[in-house]
Amino acid sequence: MCSSEPINCFPVLLNIISNTFLRLLNSTARIRVWSELFYRAENPDIKNYIFYNCLSYLLILAAGLPPLFAVSSTEDYKVKSTSC
């Protein structure tokens, strides 16, 4: 069940125990564990969805940052503050 690396044994053991409890409770659900670091989306629609969500988030963030700098500099001008 486990390879020589102990880091792989805990998820496998937890999977076996969890699925055993599910079977004892007469459940048809199963828990599946895999050893990939990140989930690989093979479906191009999912990749496009993630890409466009990240892109839209970054565009909204980029649109909101310049006014923050402008407000800061106008308030410095009103107070007549200078940097050393």
N, C-alpha and C. Protein backbone atom coordinates (compact mmCIF):
# COMPACT_ATOMS: atom_id res chain seq x y z
N MET A 1 0.82 -1.20 0.00
CA MET A 1 0.00 0.00 0.00
C MET A 1 0.87 1.27 0.00
N CYS A 2 1.87 1.31 0.84
CA CYS A 2 2.70 2.51 0.97
C CYS A 2 4.05 2.28 0.30
N SER A 3 4.60 3.33 -0.24
CA SER A 3 5.95 3.24 -0.78
C SER A 3 6.95 3.44 0.36
N SER A 4 8.20 3.55 0.02
CA SER A 4 9.21 3.70 1.06
C SER A 4 9.20 5.08 1.69
N GLU A 5 8.52 6.03 1.07
CA GLU A 5 8.45 7.38 1.62
C GLU A 5 7.30 7.46 2.62
N PRO A 6 7.57 7.88 3.84
CA PRO A 6 6.51 7.93 4.84
C PRO A 6 5.45 9.00 4.56
N ILE A 7 5.78 9.97 3.71
CA ILE A 7 4.81 11.03 3.44
C ILE A 7 3.60 10.50 2.68
N ASN A 8 3.77 9.39 1.95
CA ASN A 8 2.66 8.81 1.20
C ASN A 8 1.80 7.89 2.04
N CYS A 9 2.30 7.41 3.16
CA CYS A 9 1.57 6.43 3.96
C CYS A 9 0.36 7.03 4.68
N PHE A 10 0.49 8.24 5.20
CA PHE A 10 -0.60 8.81 5.96
C PHE A 10 -1.86 9.02 5.13
N PRO A 11 -1.78 9.61 3.93
CA PRO A 11 -3.01 9.75 3.13
C PRO A 11 -3.63 8.40 2.76
N VAL A 12 -2.80 7.41 2.47
CA VAL A 12 -3.33 6.10 2.11
C VAL A 12 -4.02 5.47 3.32
N LEU A 13 -3.39 5.57 4.48
CA LEU A 13 -4.00 5.03 5.69
C LEU A 13 -5.31 5.74 6.02
N LEU A 14 -5.32 7.05 5.90
CA LEU A 14 -6.54 7.81 6.16
C LEU A 14 -7.64 7.45 5.17
N ASN A 15 -7.27 7.21 3.93
CA ASN A 15 -8.24 6.79 2.92
C ASN A 15 -8.84 5.43 3.26
N ILE A 16 -8.01 4.50 3.66
CA ILE A 16 -8.50 3.16 4.01
C ILE A 16 -9.44 3.23 5.20
N ILE A 17 -9.06 3.99 6.22
CA ILE A 17 -9.91 4.10 7.42
C ILE A 17 -11.22 4.79 7.09
N SER A 18 -11.17 5.86 6.33
CA SER A 18 -12.39 6.60 5.99
C SER A 18 -13.35 5.75 5.16
N ASN A 19 -12.81 5.04 4.19
CA ASN A 19 -13.67 4.20 3.36
C ASN A 19 -14.24 3.03 4.16
N THR A 20 -13.49 2.54 5.14
CA THR A 20 -14.00 1.48 6.00
C THR A 20 -15.19 1.98 6.82
N PHE A 21 -15.06 3.17 7.38
CA PHE A 21 -16.18 3.74 8.14
C PHE A 21 -17.39 4.00 7.25
N LEU A 22 -17.14 4.43 6.02
CA LEU A 22 -18.26 4.65 5.10
C LEU A 22 -18.97 3.34 4.78
N ARG A 23 -18.20 2.26 4.61
CA ARG A 23 -18.83 0.96 4.34
C ARG A 23 -19.60 0.47 5.55
N LEU A 24 -19.09 0.72 6.76
CA LEU A 24 -19.79 0.30 7.97
C LEU A 24 -21.13 1.03 8.12
N LEU A 25 -21.19 2.24 7.63
CA LEU A 25 -22.43 3.02 7.72
C LEU A 25 -23.33 2.81 6.51
N ASN A 26 -23.03 1.80 5.70
CA ASN A 26 -23.82 1.44 4.51
C ASN A 26 -23.95 2.60 3.52
N SER A 27 -22.88 3.32 3.34
CA SER A 27 -22.87 4.43 2.40
C SER A 27 -22.29 3.95 1.07
N THR A 28 -22.79 4.52 -0.02
CA THR A 28 -22.25 4.19 -1.34
C THR A 28 -21.15 5.16 -1.75
N ALA A 29 -20.94 6.21 -0.98
CA ALA A 29 -19.90 7.18 -1.31
C ALA A 29 -18.53 6.61 -0.99
N ARG A 30 -17.54 7.06 -1.71
CA ARG A 30 -16.16 6.65 -1.48
C ARG A 30 -15.27 7.88 -1.50
N ILE A 31 -14.21 7.83 -0.73
CA ILE A 31 -13.22 8.90 -0.71
C ILE A 31 -12.03 8.43 -1.54
N ARG A 32 -11.57 9.29 -2.42
CA ARG A 32 -10.46 8.93 -3.29
C ARG A 32 -9.28 9.84 -3.01
N VAL A 33 -8.10 9.29 -2.92
CA VAL A 33 -6.88 10.06 -2.65
C VAL A 33 -5.92 9.84 -3.80
N TRP A 34 -5.28 10.91 -4.25
CA TRP A 34 -4.26 10.78 -5.28
C TRP A 34 -3.03 11.53 -4.82
N SER A 35 -1.92 11.22 -5.42
CA SER A 35 -0.64 11.75 -4.95
C SER A 35 -0.08 12.83 -5.87
N GLU A 36 -0.91 13.50 -6.63
CA GLU A 36 -0.45 14.61 -7.44
C GLU A 36 -0.44 15.87 -6.59
N LEU A 37 0.52 16.73 -6.83
CA LEU A 37 0.63 17.94 -6.05
C LEU A 37 -0.53 18.90 -6.32
N PHE A 38 -0.87 19.08 -7.59
CA PHE A 38 -1.99 19.93 -7.97
C PHE A 38 -2.93 19.14 -8.85
N TYR A 39 -4.19 19.51 -8.81
CA TYR A 39 -5.17 18.85 -9.67
C TYR A 39 -4.95 19.30 -11.10
N ARG A 40 -4.85 18.36 -11.99
CA ARG A 40 -4.65 18.69 -13.41
C ARG A 40 -5.99 18.65 -14.12
N ALA A 41 -6.37 19.77 -14.62
CA ALA A 41 -7.64 19.85 -15.34
C ALA A 41 -7.38 19.48 -16.81
N GLU A 42 -7.93 18.37 -17.22
CA GLU A 42 -7.77 17.94 -18.60
C GLU A 42 -8.80 18.57 -19.52
N ASN A 43 -9.87 19.07 -18.93
CA ASN A 43 -10.93 19.68 -19.71
C ASN A 43 -10.54 21.12 -20.06
N PRO A 44 -10.49 21.49 -21.35
CA PRO A 44 -10.10 22.86 -21.71
C PRO A 44 -11.10 23.90 -21.23
N ASP A 45 -12.36 23.53 -21.04
CA ASP A 45 -13.33 24.50 -20.54
C ASP A 45 -12.98 24.93 -19.12
N ILE A 46 -12.51 24.01 -18.30
CA ILE A 46 -12.14 24.34 -16.93
C ILE A 46 -10.90 25.24 -16.94
N LYS A 47 -9.95 24.95 -17.81
CA LYS A 47 -8.76 25.79 -17.90
C LYS A 47 -9.13 27.21 -18.33
N ASN A 48 -10.02 27.32 -19.31
CA ASN A 48 -10.46 28.65 -19.75
C ASN A 48 -11.20 29.38 -18.64
N TYR A 49 -12.03 28.66 -17.90
CA TYR A 49 -12.77 29.27 -16.80
C TYR A 49 -11.82 29.82 -15.74
N ILE A 50 -10.82 29.04 -15.37
CA ILE A 50 -9.84 29.49 -14.37
C ILE A 50 -9.05 30.66 -14.90
N PHE A 51 -8.63 30.59 -16.16
CA PHE A 51 -7.83 31.67 -16.74
C PHE A 51 -8.62 32.98 -16.78
N TYR A 52 -9.85 32.94 -17.25
CA TYR A 52 -10.63 34.17 -17.37
C TYR A 52 -11.04 34.72 -16.00
N ASN A 53 -11.25 33.86 -15.02
CA ASN A 53 -11.53 34.36 -13.68
C ASN A 53 -10.32 35.06 -13.09
N CYS A 54 -9.14 34.48 -13.26
CA CYS A 54 -7.92 35.13 -12.77
C CYS A 54 -7.66 36.43 -13.51
N LEU A 55 -7.87 36.42 -14.81
CA LEU A 55 -7.66 37.62 -15.61
C LEU A 55 -8.61 38.74 -15.19
N SER A 56 -9.87 38.42 -14.99
CA SER A 56 -10.83 39.45 -14.58
C SER A 56 -10.51 39.98 -13.20
N TYR A 57 -10.07 39.11 -12.30
CA TYR A 57 -9.68 39.56 -10.96
C TYR A 57 -8.50 40.52 -11.04
N LEU A 58 -7.51 40.19 -11.85
CA LEU A 58 -6.34 41.06 -11.97
C LEU A 58 -6.70 42.39 -12.63
N LEU A 59 -7.62 42.38 -13.60
CA LEU A 59 -8.03 43.63 -14.23
C LEU A 59 -8.78 44.53 -13.25
N ILE A 60 -9.63 43.96 -12.43
CA ILE A 60 -10.34 44.75 -11.42
C ILE A 60 -9.35 45.31 -10.41
N LEU A 61 -8.39 44.50 -10.03
CA LEU A 61 -7.36 44.96 -9.09
C LEU A 61 -6.53 46.07 -9.70
N ALA A 62 -6.16 45.93 -10.96
CA ALA A 62 -5.36 46.95 -11.63
C ALA A 62 -6.15 48.24 -11.82
N ALA A 63 -7.46 48.14 -11.99
CA ALA A 63 -8.27 49.34 -12.16
C ALA A 63 -8.47 50.06 -10.83
N GLY A 64 -8.37 49.36 -9.73
CA GLY A 64 -8.59 49.99 -8.43
C GLY A 64 -7.36 50.57 -7.78
N LEU A 65 -6.18 50.21 -8.23
CA LEU A 65 -4.97 50.70 -7.58
C LEU A 65 -4.58 52.14 -7.93
N PRO A 66 -4.66 52.61 -9.18
CA PRO A 66 -4.24 53.99 -9.47
C PRO A 66 -5.00 55.06 -8.68
N PRO A 67 -6.31 54.95 -8.48
CA PRO A 67 -6.96 55.98 -7.66
C PRO A 67 -6.44 56.01 -6.22
N LEU A 68 -6.00 54.90 -5.71
CA LEU A 68 -5.44 54.86 -4.36
C LEU A 68 -4.18 55.71 -4.28
N PHE A 69 -3.32 55.60 -5.29
CA PHE A 69 -2.11 56.41 -5.30
C PHE A 69 -2.43 57.88 -5.52
N ALA A 70 -3.43 58.17 -6.35
CA ALA A 70 -3.79 59.56 -6.63
C ALA A 70 -4.35 60.22 -5.38
N VAL A 71 -5.19 59.54 -4.63
CA VAL A 71 -5.77 60.11 -3.41
C VAL A 71 -4.67 60.38 -2.40
N SER A 72 -3.72 59.48 -2.31
CA SER A 72 -2.63 59.66 -1.36
C SER A 72 -1.81 60.90 -1.70
N SER A 73 -1.49 61.09 -2.96
CA SER A 73 -0.66 62.24 -3.32
C SER A 73 -1.43 63.56 -3.22
N THR A 74 -2.75 63.58 -3.49
CA THR A 74 -3.51 64.83 -3.33
C THR A 74 -3.64 65.20 -1.87
N GLU A 75 -3.77 64.22 -0.99
CA GLU A 75 -3.84 64.54 0.44
C GLU A 75 -2.50 65.05 0.93
N ASP A 76 -1.41 64.52 0.41
CA ASP A 76 -0.09 65.04 0.76
C ASP A 76 0.05 66.49 0.28
N TYR A 77 -0.50 66.79 -0.87
CA TYR A 77 -0.43 68.15 -1.41
C TYR A 77 -1.25 69.10 -0.55
N LYS A 78 -2.44 68.68 -0.09
CA LYS A 78 -3.28 69.53 0.74
C LYS A 78 -2.62 69.84 2.09
N VAL A 79 -1.96 68.86 2.65
CA VAL A 79 -1.31 69.03 3.96
C VAL A 79 0.05 69.70 3.80
N LYS A 80 0.53 69.77 2.59
CA LYS A 80 1.85 70.33 2.25
C LYS A 80 2.97 69.56 2.94
N SER A 81 2.85 68.23 2.88
CA SER A 81 3.88 67.40 3.49
C SER A 81 5.01 67.16 2.49
N THR A 82 6.20 67.03 3.03
CA THR A 82 7.36 66.73 2.20
C THR A 82 8.09 65.53 2.77
N SER A 83 8.78 64.84 1.91
CA SER A 83 9.58 63.70 2.38
C SER A 83 11.03 64.15 2.55
N CYS A 84 11.68 63.54 3.46
CA CYS A 84 13.08 63.95 3.75
C CYS A 84 14.03 63.41 2.74
